[in-house]
Amino acid sequence: MCLANIKHQYVNELITVKANPLTNSYYLNDKSYDINTFPVGSPVSGTVYGTLLNYQEDLLQMEEKFLQKPYDAPPNAPILYIKPANTISYNGAPILMPKGIKTLEIGASLGVVIGKRALAIKEGEAFNYIAGYTIVNDVSIPHESFFRPAVPYKARDGFCPIGPWIVEAKEIKDPNRLTIKIFVNEELKLVKHNYTLVRPVAKLLADITEFMTLDIGDTLLVGISTNSPQVTIGDKVRIQIDQIGFLENYIVEEEKGWLP
């Protein structure tokens, strides 16, 4: 059991509960609730930032391309992008397959939720600025654009389920030792270990806040895999992070789907 913050659907306030990451259930007022029986909304409220190529194995895969013109060298700063407000969704919500698209790519990431305004912070102080951790499904239409904004591929409605809760930072001893798994229709498709991050959580926060402010409630994705699995209509997706829980969503046709 761990302390976590949830947000019930159609309610803006976060509620502190005792969560069980193994069963995705929580206790509130001494009563147990299953996350699917008593659904919750997305627990985040700020801007969501993604980070590309922050796993060592993924950066190595791209090394040859980075050595070509016009780059001539691997990136020396975090590669960031934004998942806008229209993409934010929640555990159990449908992920809509756009008309004319056959597959979607599932990008699993640990989400670091900011608890204190952070600007030009030092790496050794970074954990003082973290409120907690959550699970993020960074959905994309498959594409090969790493070098220019991929808005049509990554910013569709509902393309960023987050949740089911935010586990308080004090409950996670080392976010750089967490394992992330993606299951499609109960079949394990991908395993990622955060100990292979190019920039571990504290360094990533320090490097980003060197040139921009992260505000209270913002969420930072520590990275997604370049080898993320693809899914199609009817698939069930589960992203699991040990010590946090799991995030589940289904892929449905755009014409049949519905998001509040």
Protein backbone atom coordinates (compact mmCIF):
# COMPACT_ATOMS: atom_id res chain seq x y z
CA MET A 1 0.00 0.00 0.00
CA CYS A 2 1.12 3.56 -0.66
CA LEU A 3 -0.22 7.08 -0.42
CA ALA A 4 -1.56 8.39 -3.70
CA ASN A 5 -3.67 11.25 -4.99
CA ILE A 6 -6.66 10.58 -7.23
CA LYS A 7 -9.19 12.79 -8.96
CA HIS A 8 -12.71 11.45 -9.35
CA GLN A 9 -14.31 12.11 -12.73
CA TYR A 10 -15.94 15.54 -13.07
CA VAL A 11 -14.28 16.67 -9.79
CA ASN A 12 -11.30 19.03 -9.88
CA GLU A 13 -9.85 18.37 -6.42
CA LEU A 14 -7.27 15.70 -5.69
CA ILE A 15 -8.09 13.26 -2.88
CA THR A 16 -5.43 11.40 -0.90
CA VAL A 17 -6.06 7.65 -0.66
CA LYS A 18 -4.20 4.46 0.19
CA ALA A 19 -3.51 2.74 -3.12
CA ASN A 20 -2.62 -0.85 -3.88
CA PRO A 21 -0.43 -0.86 -7.04
CA LEU A 22 -0.73 -4.65 -7.36
CA THR A 23 -4.52 -4.68 -7.67
CA ASN A 24 -5.20 -1.10 -8.87
CA SER A 25 -7.56 -0.60 -5.97
CA TYR A 26 -7.65 2.09 -3.31
CA TYR A 27 -8.96 2.70 0.18
CA LEU A 28 -10.98 5.77 1.06
CA ASN A 29 -12.72 6.19 4.44
CA ASP A 30 -11.83 2.58 5.29
CA LYS A 31 -13.63 1.25 2.19
CA SER A 32 -11.97 -0.51 -0.74
CA TYR A 33 -12.68 0.60 -4.32
CA ASP A 34 -11.62 -1.00 -7.58
CA ILE A 35 -10.34 1.55 -10.08
CA ASN A 36 -12.56 0.13 -12.84
CA THR A 37 -15.71 -0.07 -10.71
CA PHE A 38 -15.27 3.44 -9.30
CA PRO A 39 -13.47 5.19 -12.17
CA VAL A 40 -11.21 8.20 -11.72
CA GLY A 41 -10.22 11.01 -14.05
CA SER A 42 -6.75 12.10 -15.06
CA PRO A 43 -4.93 13.22 -11.89
CA VAL A 44 -2.80 15.91 -13.57
CA SER A 45 -3.73 19.49 -14.29
CA GLY A 46 -0.68 21.27 -15.72
CA THR A 47 1.29 21.12 -18.95
CA VAL A 48 2.55 17.69 -20.03
CA TYR A 49 6.07 17.59 -21.49
CA GLY A 50 7.54 14.60 -23.30
CA THR A 51 11.22 13.71 -23.66
CA LEU A 52 12.62 11.97 -26.73
CA LEU A 53 15.67 9.69 -26.95
CA ASN A 54 16.33 9.53 -23.22
CA TYR A 55 17.05 5.80 -23.15
CA GLN A 56 20.64 4.84 -23.90
CA GLU A 57 19.70 2.03 -26.28
CA ASP A 58 17.41 4.32 -28.27
CA LEU A 59 20.02 7.04 -28.58
CA LEU A 60 22.54 4.48 -29.84
CA GLN A 61 20.07 3.38 -32.53
CA MET A 62 19.88 6.96 -33.81
CA GLU A 63 23.59 7.74 -33.48
CA GLU A 64 24.37 7.25 -37.18
CA LYS A 65 21.61 9.64 -38.23
CA PHE A 66 22.76 12.27 -35.76
CA LEU A 67 26.28 12.16 -37.19
CA GLN A 68 24.94 13.22 -40.59
CA LYS A 69 24.17 16.75 -41.79
CA PRO A 70 22.75 19.08 -40.56
CA TYR A 71 23.35 17.78 -37.00
CA ASP A 72 26.87 16.31 -37.10
CA ALA A 73 26.61 15.23 -33.43
CA PRO A 74 24.16 13.70 -30.95
CA PRO A 75 21.91 16.18 -29.08
CA ASN A 76 23.54 17.84 -26.07
CA ALA A 77 20.27 18.96 -24.45
CA PRO A 78 16.93 17.24 -23.75
CA ILE A 79 14.65 16.91 -26.78
CA LEU A 80 11.23 18.05 -25.57
CA TYR A 81 7.70 18.25 -26.94
CA ILE A 82 4.27 19.06 -25.48
CA LYS A 83 1.15 16.91 -25.20
CA PRO A 84 -1.56 19.64 -25.26
CA ALA A 85 -4.65 19.70 -23.06
CA ASN A 86 -6.90 18.08 -25.69
CA THR A 87 -4.80 14.90 -25.55
CA ILE A 88 -5.17 14.35 -21.80
CA SER A 89 -7.30 11.32 -20.94
CA TYR A 90 -7.66 8.82 -18.11
CA ASN A 91 -7.64 5.15 -17.11
CA GLY A 92 -10.39 3.23 -18.90
CA ALA A 93 -11.09 5.88 -21.54
CA PRO A 94 -11.17 4.82 -25.19
CA ILE A 95 -8.25 5.72 -27.43
CA LEU A 96 -9.74 6.74 -30.77
CA MET A 97 -8.26 5.38 -33.99
CA PRO A 98 -8.42 8.28 -36.49
CA LYS A 99 -10.23 7.64 -39.74
CA GLY A 100 -7.89 6.29 -42.40
CA ILE A 101 -5.24 5.19 -39.87
CA LYS A 102 -4.61 1.46 -39.33
CA THR A 103 -2.30 1.38 -36.28
CA LEU A 104 -1.28 3.50 -33.32
CA GLU A 105 1.98 3.48 -31.39
CA ILE A 106 1.94 3.09 -27.59
CA GLY A 107 4.62 5.09 -25.78
CA ALA A 108 4.84 4.16 -22.11
CA SER A 109 6.55 6.49 -19.67
CA LEU A 110 6.98 7.34 -16.04
CA GLY A 111 5.40 10.74 -15.43
CA VAL A 112 7.12 13.04 -12.93
CA VAL A 113 4.60 15.47 -11.40
CA ILE A 114 6.04 18.78 -10.28
CA GLY A 115 5.16 19.91 -6.75
CA LYS A 116 7.06 23.21 -6.53
CA ARG A 117 7.91 25.85 -9.13
CA ALA A 118 11.27 24.85 -10.58
CA LEU A 119 13.72 27.12 -12.39
CA ALA A 120 17.50 26.70 -12.60
CA ILE A 121 17.50 24.00 -9.92
CA LYS A 122 20.54 21.94 -9.05
CA GLU A 123 20.61 18.21 -9.70
CA GLY A 124 21.13 17.47 -5.99
CA GLU A 125 17.98 19.42 -5.09
CA ALA A 126 15.72 18.10 -7.87
CA PHE A 127 13.77 15.59 -5.78
CA ASN A 128 12.59 18.43 -3.51
CA TYR A 129 10.52 19.69 -6.44
CA ILE A 130 8.69 16.45 -7.19
CA ALA A 131 5.14 15.89 -5.89
CA GLY A 132 4.84 12.33 -7.13
CA TYR A 133 4.83 9.87 -10.00
CA THR A 134 2.20 8.58 -12.39
CA ILE A 135 1.85 6.45 -15.54
CA VAL A 136 1.57 8.04 -18.98
CA ASN A 137 0.55 6.52 -22.31
CA ASP A 138 2.01 8.78 -24.99
CA VAL A 139 -0.04 7.64 -28.00
CA SER A 140 1.13 8.51 -31.52
CA ILE A 141 0.31 7.80 -35.12
CA PRO A 142 3.45 5.95 -36.32
CA HIS A 143 5.91 8.36 -37.94
CA GLU A 144 9.65 8.87 -38.44
CA SER A 145 9.89 12.55 -37.55
CA PHE A 146 12.40 13.05 -34.75
CA PHE A 147 13.69 16.37 -36.04
CA ARG A 148 10.61 18.57 -36.45
CA PRO A 149 7.28 19.04 -34.60
CA ALA A 150 5.01 16.00 -35.01
CA VAL A 151 1.75 17.69 -34.00
CA PRO A 152 -0.55 15.80 -36.45
CA TYR A 153 0.84 12.49 -35.14
CA LYS A 154 1.00 13.12 -31.39
CA ALA A 155 -1.62 15.77 -30.54
CA ARG A 156 -4.93 14.05 -31.42
CA ASP A 157 -7.81 14.12 -28.92
CA GLY A 158 -7.31 11.59 -26.12
CA PHE A 159 -3.76 10.67 -27.19
CA CYS A 160 -2.36 10.92 -23.65
CA PRO A 161 -4.08 8.77 -21.00
CA ILE A 162 -2.59 9.45 -17.55
CA GLY A 163 -3.18 7.79 -14.20
CA PRO A 164 -4.79 6.15 -12.48
CA TRP A 165 -3.29 8.24 -9.66
CA ILE A 166 -0.20 10.11 -8.53
CA VAL A 167 1.86 8.11 -6.06
CA GLU A 168 3.42 10.52 -3.58
CA ALA A 169 7.13 11.08 -4.11
CA LYS A 170 8.13 9.85 -0.65
CA GLU A 171 6.72 6.41 -1.52
CA ILE A 172 9.18 5.87 -4.39
CA LYS A 173 12.74 5.45 -3.12
CA ASP A 174 14.42 5.56 -6.54
CA PRO A 175 12.44 6.38 -9.73
CA ASN A 176 15.52 5.48 -11.76
CA ARG A 177 15.14 1.82 -10.78
CA LEU A 178 11.54 1.34 -11.90
CA THR A 179 10.57 -1.13 -14.64
CA ILE A 180 7.97 -0.21 -17.26
CA LYS A 181 5.99 -2.88 -19.13
CA ILE A 182 3.51 -2.69 -22.00
CA PHE A 183 0.90 -5.44 -22.44
CA VAL A 184 -1.36 -5.70 -25.49
CA ASN A 185 -4.29 -8.09 -25.03
CA GLU A 186 -2.46 -9.47 -21.96
CA GLU A 187 0.68 -10.26 -24.01
CA LEU A 188 3.91 -8.62 -22.84
CA LYS A 189 5.21 -6.48 -25.71
CA LEU A 190 7.90 -4.26 -24.21
CA VAL A 191 10.02 -3.94 -21.08
CA LYS A 192 12.00 -0.79 -20.26
CA HIS A 193 14.28 -0.18 -17.28
CA ASN A 194 14.78 3.36 -16.02
CA TYR A 195 18.36 2.62 -15.00
CA THR A 196 19.20 2.98 -18.71
CA LEU A 197 18.04 6.62 -18.87
CA VAL A 198 20.56 8.94 -20.52
CA ARG A 199 19.50 11.64 -18.10
CA PRO A 200 18.16 10.16 -14.84
CA VAL A 201 15.22 11.95 -13.26
CA ALA A 202 17.18 14.52 -11.22
CA LYS A 203 19.56 15.43 -14.06
CA LEU A 204 16.68 15.68 -16.52
CA LEU A 205 14.90 18.17 -14.25
CA ALA A 206 18.10 20.17 -13.72
CA ASP A 207 18.90 20.32 -17.44
CA ILE A 208 15.37 21.34 -18.42
CA THR A 209 14.97 24.02 -15.75
CA GLU A 210 18.27 25.51 -16.87
CA PHE A 211 16.33 27.16 -19.72
CA MET A 212 12.62 26.98 -18.74
CA THR A 213 10.30 26.91 -15.73
CA LEU A 214 8.37 23.82 -14.68
CA ASP A 215 5.34 24.87 -12.65
CA ILE A 216 3.25 23.17 -9.98
CA GLY A 217 1.12 20.44 -11.54
CA ASP A 218 3.21 20.08 -14.69
CA THR A 219 4.10 16.51 -15.69
CA LEU A 220 7.37 15.46 -17.30
CA LEU A 221 7.66 12.18 -19.21
CA VAL A 222 11.14 10.79 -18.60
CA GLY A 223 11.22 9.08 -21.98
CA ILE A 224 9.53 6.67 -24.36
CA SER A 225 11.00 3.84 -26.41
CA THR A 226 11.70 4.16 -30.13
CA ASN A 227 10.67 0.48 -30.35
CA SER A 228 7.21 0.98 -28.89
CA PRO A 229 4.53 -1.57 -29.90
CA GLN A 230 1.77 -0.79 -32.36
CA VAL A 231 -1.89 -1.55 -31.77
CA THR A 232 -5.11 -1.63 -33.76
CA ILE A 233 -8.87 -1.38 -33.22
CA GLY A 234 -10.14 -3.70 -30.49
CA ASP A 235 -6.81 -4.02 -28.67
CA LYS A 236 -6.56 -3.65 -24.91
CA VAL A 237 -3.46 -1.78 -23.73
CA ARG A 238 -2.02 -1.99 -20.23
CA ILE A 239 1.02 -0.05 -19.07
CA GLN A 240 2.43 -1.27 -15.79
CA ILE A 241 5.06 0.38 -13.61
CA ASP A 242 6.13 -1.39 -10.45
CA GLN A 243 5.33 0.49 -7.22
CA ILE A 244 2.80 2.66 -9.07
CA GLY A 245 0.16 0.40 -10.65
CA PHE A 246 -1.23 0.07 -14.15
CA LEU A 247 -3.05 2.15 -16.74
CA GLU A 248 -5.55 0.43 -19.07
CA ASN A 249 -7.26 1.66 -22.23
CA TYR A 250 -8.95 0.19 -25.33
CA ILE A 251 -8.50 1.15 -28.97
CA VAL A 252 -11.80 1.95 -30.71
CA GLU A 253 -12.93 3.39 -34.03
CA GLU A 254 -13.12 7.16 -34.05
CA GLU A 255 -16.76 7.08 -35.21
CA LYS A 256 -17.75 4.79 -32.31
CA GLY A 257 -15.65 6.33 -29.58
CA TRP A 258 -16.58 8.94 -27.03
CA LEU A 259 -14.61 11.21 -24.76
CA PRO A 260 -16.22 13.57 -22.22
